[in-house]
Amino acid sequence: MIEFHQVNKWYGEYQALSDINETVARGEIVVVCGPSGSGKSTLIRTLNRLEPIHSGRITLNGQDIHARGLDVNAFRAGIGFVFQQFNLFPHLSALDNCTLAPRRLRGLSAAQAKEEALALLERVGLVHKAHAFASELSGGQQQRVAIARALAMKPPVLLFDEPTSALDPEMVGEVLAVMKDLARDGLTMLVVTHEMGFARDVADRVLFMDAGHVLERATPEQFFNRPEHPRAQQFLADIRSPFAVA
C-alpha cells in the first residue's frame, strides 16, 4: 500500500530523512520508534503532504503522492491522521467534529453522517460525550474523538503521530486500548510512538530510526529480544533502565 523509494528530506543543512526505502503492506501495522529527533515524525508527515520531500518518491496505492498536479485536499481526505495535539475544532461538539468532513467531502446527508458518527463515538467509548465541546473533555477523551473523526472518512490507511505524547500517564491506556481494537480490524496503520508495550503487543513490524536513517526493521519479537544494530541495542537498554545509577 505504501512505498518509500530513496526519500530524502532536509531542513536547511540538516538532513531529517536519508535515503529511506520502505514498504508497508495492506493491512499491516508498522510502529516507527527511535529517539527524539530521529526523523520518525517527519517520515509520517511526508505521507499526507504535511512535509515536502526533496528527492525520491512516495507512493500510496500506486499513486505518486508528491507528483505535480496532485489534488492535495482530495488526497488528504482519503488518509486518516491522528496528531499529537488532538486538533479538534473547539467551536464544534464531538459529534459535529465527526460529521463535518463526511458531509462536506463524502457527500453524506446530515442524518447519515450523524448515524455513522454516533457509531464511531460508541466504538471509542464516548457516545455519552457526543454533544460536549473539546474544552469539556479530558486529553484522553479528545484524542479518542480525534480517532473517531479520522475513521469517519473511512480511510484505507491510518497514521498516528505520537498520539499519546501529550497525555497524562493515566489517560494513555484508554487511547492505546482504542488503537489496539482498531488493529484487529485489518486497517493499515503506521504508528509513530514511544509506547513500546503497544509495539510489542500490536505491531506486525517495528522500524527503528536514528539521525534520519532506518537502522533496524524487524518483528517485535526480534526487535525486543534480538536487536541487531548497536544503536537499537542501546536505545532498548536505555528505556529499560531509565533510572540507572551512575
Protein backbone atom coordinates (compact mmCIF):
# COMPACT_ATOMS: atom_id res chain seq x y z
CA MET A 1 0.00 0.00 0.00
CA ILE A 2 2.82 2.44 0.88
CA GLU A 3 6.26 2.63 -0.67
CA PHE A 4 9.15 4.95 0.11
CA HIS A 5 11.88 4.97 -2.56
CA GLN A 6 15.14 6.82 -1.89
CA VAL A 7 13.35 9.55 0.07
CA ASN A 8 15.43 12.48 1.33
CA LYS A 9 14.33 15.49 3.34
CA TRP A 10 16.33 18.47 4.61
CA TYR A 11 15.65 21.34 6.98
CA GLY A 12 18.29 23.78 5.80
CA GLU A 13 21.57 21.94 6.16
CA TYR A 14 20.11 19.31 8.49
CA GLN A 15 19.09 16.06 6.78
CA ALA A 16 15.98 14.76 8.51
CA LEU A 17 15.44 11.75 6.22
CA SER A 18 18.25 9.96 4.44
CA ASP A 19 17.65 7.51 1.57
CA ILE A 20 14.52 5.94 3.06
CA ASN A 21 13.44 2.75 1.31
CA GLU A 22 10.48 1.05 2.99
CA THR A 23 7.20 -0.62 2.15
CA VAL A 24 4.02 -1.08 4.17
CA ALA A 25 1.66 -3.82 3.01
CA ARG A 26 -2.12 -3.53 3.02
CA GLY A 27 -3.46 -4.40 6.47
CA GLU A 28 -0.02 -4.19 8.09
CA ILE A 29 0.58 -2.43 11.39
CA VAL A 30 4.01 -0.81 11.46
CA VAL A 31 5.37 1.01 14.51
CA VAL A 32 8.11 3.58 13.97
CA CYS A 33 10.23 4.25 17.05
CA GLY A 34 13.51 5.87 17.94
CA PRO A 35 14.98 8.73 19.99
CA SER A 36 13.69 12.28 19.75
CA GLY A 37 14.88 13.97 16.59
CA SER A 38 15.38 10.69 14.75
CA GLY A 39 13.10 11.67 11.86
CA LYS A 40 10.13 9.44 12.67
CA SER A 41 7.51 12.22 12.82
CA THR A 42 8.94 13.80 9.68
CA LEU A 43 8.63 10.44 7.95
CA ILE A 44 4.95 10.04 8.76
CA ARG A 45 4.15 13.67 7.91
CA THR A 46 5.53 13.22 4.40
CA LEU A 47 2.79 10.66 3.84
CA ASN A 48 0.00 13.21 3.78
CA ARG A 49 1.99 16.08 2.32
CA LEU A 50 2.33 17.99 5.60
CA GLU A 51 6.07 17.88 4.83
CA PRO A 52 7.54 18.08 1.32
CA ILE A 53 10.39 15.82 0.28
CA HIS A 54 13.46 16.97 -1.62
CA SER A 55 14.16 13.81 -3.59
CA GLY A 56 12.84 10.31 -4.02
CA ARG A 57 9.30 9.07 -4.39
CA ILE A 58 6.44 8.04 -2.10
CA THR A 59 3.52 6.07 -3.48
CA LEU A 60 0.20 5.20 -1.86
CA ASN A 61 -1.82 2.57 -3.69
CA GLY A 62 0.50 3.14 -6.63
CA GLN A 63 -0.09 6.91 -6.75
CA ASP A 64 2.94 9.22 -6.54
CA ILE A 65 1.74 11.46 -3.72
CA HIS A 66 4.28 14.23 -4.36
CA ALA A 67 3.60 14.40 -8.10
CA ARG A 68 2.88 17.78 -9.59
CA GLY A 69 -0.80 18.39 -10.18
CA LEU A 70 -1.97 16.17 -7.33
CA ASP A 71 -5.14 17.49 -5.69
CA VAL A 72 -3.71 17.61 -2.18
CA ASN A 73 -7.02 18.25 -0.41
CA ALA A 74 -8.71 15.33 -2.16
CA PHE A 75 -5.71 13.14 -1.43
CA ARG A 76 -5.67 14.03 2.28
CA ALA A 77 -9.38 13.29 2.53
CA GLY A 78 -8.52 9.64 1.98
CA ILE A 79 -5.92 9.39 4.74
CA GLY A 80 -6.70 9.30 8.44
CA PHE A 81 -4.22 11.28 10.53
CA VAL A 82 -4.21 11.46 14.33
CA PHE A 83 -1.99 14.22 15.70
CA GLN A 84 -0.15 14.68 18.97
CA GLN A 85 -2.27 17.68 19.96
CA PHE A 86 -5.75 16.34 19.04
CA ASN A 87 -6.58 19.35 16.77
CA LEU A 88 -10.32 19.18 17.37
CA PHE A 89 -12.39 22.14 16.19
CA PRO A 90 -13.04 23.89 19.53
CA HIS A 91 -16.28 25.54 18.39
CA LEU A 92 -17.84 22.19 17.42
CA SER A 93 -19.15 19.36 19.58
CA ALA A 94 -17.56 15.92 19.48
CA LEU A 95 -20.40 14.79 17.21
CA ASP A 96 -20.02 17.73 14.85
CA ASN A 97 -16.25 17.19 14.69
CA CYS A 98 -17.01 13.70 13.37
CA THR A 99 -19.76 14.68 10.90
CA LEU A 100 -18.23 17.76 9.26
CA ALA A 101 -15.90 16.04 6.78
CA PRO A 102 -18.25 13.18 5.84
CA ARG A 103 -20.98 15.70 5.00
CA ARG A 104 -18.73 18.05 3.04
CA LEU A 105 -16.33 15.60 1.42
CA ARG A 106 -18.16 12.25 1.28
CA GLY A 107 -21.49 13.87 0.48
CA LEU A 108 -23.41 12.19 3.28
CA SER A 109 -26.71 13.59 4.44
CA ALA A 110 -26.80 15.08 7.93
CA ALA A 111 -28.74 12.04 9.15
CA GLN A 112 -26.31 9.55 7.60
CA ALA A 113 -23.28 11.39 8.94
CA LYS A 114 -24.81 11.56 12.42
CA GLU A 115 -25.65 7.85 12.44
CA GLU A 116 -22.11 6.87 11.43
CA ALA A 117 -20.51 9.37 13.84
CA LEU A 118 -22.53 8.12 16.80
CA ALA A 119 -21.49 4.55 15.98
CA LEU A 120 -17.83 5.63 15.92
CA LEU A 121 -18.16 7.55 19.19
CA GLU A 122 -19.76 4.45 20.67
CA ARG A 123 -16.80 2.44 19.49
CA VAL A 124 -14.28 4.72 21.21
CA GLY A 125 -16.44 4.78 24.36
CA LEU A 126 -17.63 8.38 24.09
CA VAL A 127 -21.16 8.35 22.71
CA HIS A 128 -22.26 9.88 26.01
CA LYS A 129 -20.00 12.86 25.23
CA ALA A 130 -21.38 13.43 21.73
CA HIS A 131 -22.56 16.95 22.49
CA ALA A 132 -19.56 18.01 24.58
CA PHE A 133 -17.01 20.51 23.32
CA ALA A 134 -13.26 19.95 23.42
CA SER A 135 -12.91 22.17 26.49
CA GLU A 136 -15.27 19.82 28.35
CA LEU A 137 -13.24 16.69 27.53
CA SER A 138 -10.08 15.29 29.08
CA GLY A 139 -7.00 14.90 26.90
CA GLY A 140 -7.63 11.19 26.51
CA GLN A 141 -11.24 11.82 25.53
CA GLN A 142 -10.21 14.45 23.00
CA GLN A 143 -7.75 12.03 21.40
CA ARG A 144 -10.40 9.32 21.21
CA VAL A 145 -12.74 11.79 19.47
CA ALA A 146 -9.88 12.62 17.09
CA ILE A 147 -9.54 8.90 16.26
CA ALA A 148 -13.30 8.65 15.63
CA ARG A 149 -13.09 11.73 13.40
CA ALA A 150 -10.26 10.18 11.38
CA LEU A 151 -12.26 6.95 10.97
CA ALA A 152 -15.34 8.87 9.81
CA MET A 153 -13.78 9.31 6.36
CA LYS A 154 -13.33 5.52 6.04
CA PRO A 155 -9.65 5.88 5.15
CA PRO A 156 -7.67 2.90 3.79
CA VAL A 157 -4.69 3.92 5.92
CA LEU A 158 -4.49 5.48 9.37
CA LEU A 159 -1.45 7.45 10.51
CA PHE A 160 -0.67 8.20 14.16
CA ASP A 161 1.97 10.77 15.10
CA GLU A 162 2.83 10.12 18.76
CA PRO A 163 -0.86 10.04 19.72
CA THR A 164 -0.21 9.63 23.46
CA SER A 165 2.72 12.02 23.92
CA ALA A 166 0.53 14.96 25.04
CA LEU A 167 -1.47 12.88 27.54
CA ASP A 168 -1.14 12.45 31.26
CA PRO A 169 0.01 8.90 32.08
CA GLU A 170 -3.39 7.78 33.38
CA MET A 171 -5.01 8.73 30.04
CA VAL A 172 -2.55 6.85 27.83
CA GLY A 173 -4.14 3.46 28.41
CA GLU A 174 -7.59 4.48 27.21
CA VAL A 175 -6.20 5.71 23.87
CA LEU A 176 -3.97 2.67 23.38
CA ALA A 177 -6.96 0.40 24.05
CA VAL A 178 -8.86 2.03 21.19
CA MET A 179 -5.83 1.69 18.89
CA LYS A 180 -5.45 -1.99 19.78
CA ASP A 181 -9.12 -2.51 18.95
CA LEU A 182 -8.62 -0.87 15.54
CA ALA A 183 -5.65 -3.12 14.86
CA ARG A 184 -7.97 -6.14 14.94
CA ASP A 185 -9.99 -4.73 12.03
CA GLY A 186 -7.27 -5.13 9.41
CA LEU A 187 -6.68 -1.41 8.93
CA THR A 188 -3.31 -0.38 7.53
CA MET A 189 -1.68 1.59 10.35
CA LEU A 190 1.60 3.45 10.58
CA VAL A 191 2.21 4.50 14.17
CA VAL A 192 4.96 6.77 15.49
CA THR A 193 5.10 6.14 19.22
CA HIS A 194 7.27 5.83 22.32
CA GLU A 195 4.86 3.25 23.74
CA MET A 196 6.96 0.12 23.49
CA GLY A 197 4.28 -2.07 25.04
CA PHE A 198 1.97 -1.19 22.16
CA ALA A 199 4.73 -2.00 19.66
CA ARG A 200 5.37 -5.34 21.30
CA ASP A 201 1.70 -6.34 21.53
CA VAL A 202 0.19 -4.99 18.31
CA ALA A 203 2.78 -4.29 15.59
CA ASP A 204 3.47 -6.61 12.70
CA ARG A 205 6.81 -4.87 12.22
CA VAL A 206 8.94 -2.32 14.03
CA LEU A 207 11.10 0.27 12.27
CA PHE A 208 13.82 1.83 14.40
CA MET A 209 15.12 5.22 13.27
CA ASP A 210 18.02 7.42 14.30
CA ALA A 211 19.52 10.51 12.62
CA GLY A 212 17.19 10.21 9.62
CA HIS A 213 18.03 6.58 8.85
CA VAL A 214 16.04 3.39 9.34
CA LEU A 215 18.62 1.30 11.20
CA GLU A 216 16.54 -1.72 12.08
CA ARG A 217 13.41 -3.37 10.68
CA ALA A 218 12.16 -6.44 12.46
CA THR A 219 9.23 -8.25 14.00
CA PRO A 220 8.50 -7.15 17.57
CA GLU A 221 9.87 -10.44 18.87
CA GLN A 222 13.14 -9.92 17.01
CA PHE A 223 13.40 -6.23 17.82
CA PHE A 224 12.85 -6.53 21.56
CA ASN A 225 14.75 -9.77 22.12
CA ARG A 226 17.48 -9.80 19.46
CA PRO A 227 18.08 -6.32 18.04
CA GLU A 228 20.96 -6.34 15.57
CA HIS A 229 22.03 -2.71 15.24
CA PRO A 230 24.16 -1.35 18.13
CA ARG A 231 22.11 1.86 18.24
CA ALA A 232 18.89 -0.13 18.62
CA GLN A 233 20.51 -2.21 21.35
CA GLN A 234 21.50 0.96 23.21
CA PHE A 235 18.04 2.50 22.77
CA LEU A 236 16.34 -0.53 24.28
CA ALA A 237 18.87 -0.71 27.11
CA ASP A 238 18.20 2.95 27.93
CA ILE A 239 14.42 2.64 28.00
CA ARG A 240 14.61 -0.49 30.13
CA SER A 241 16.79 1.20 32.76
CA PRO A 242 15.83 4.89 32.72
CA PHE A 243 16.96 5.39 36.32
CA ALA A 244 20.24 3.57 36.12
CA VAL A 245 22.62 4.66 38.86
CA ALA A 246 25.88 6.20 37.69
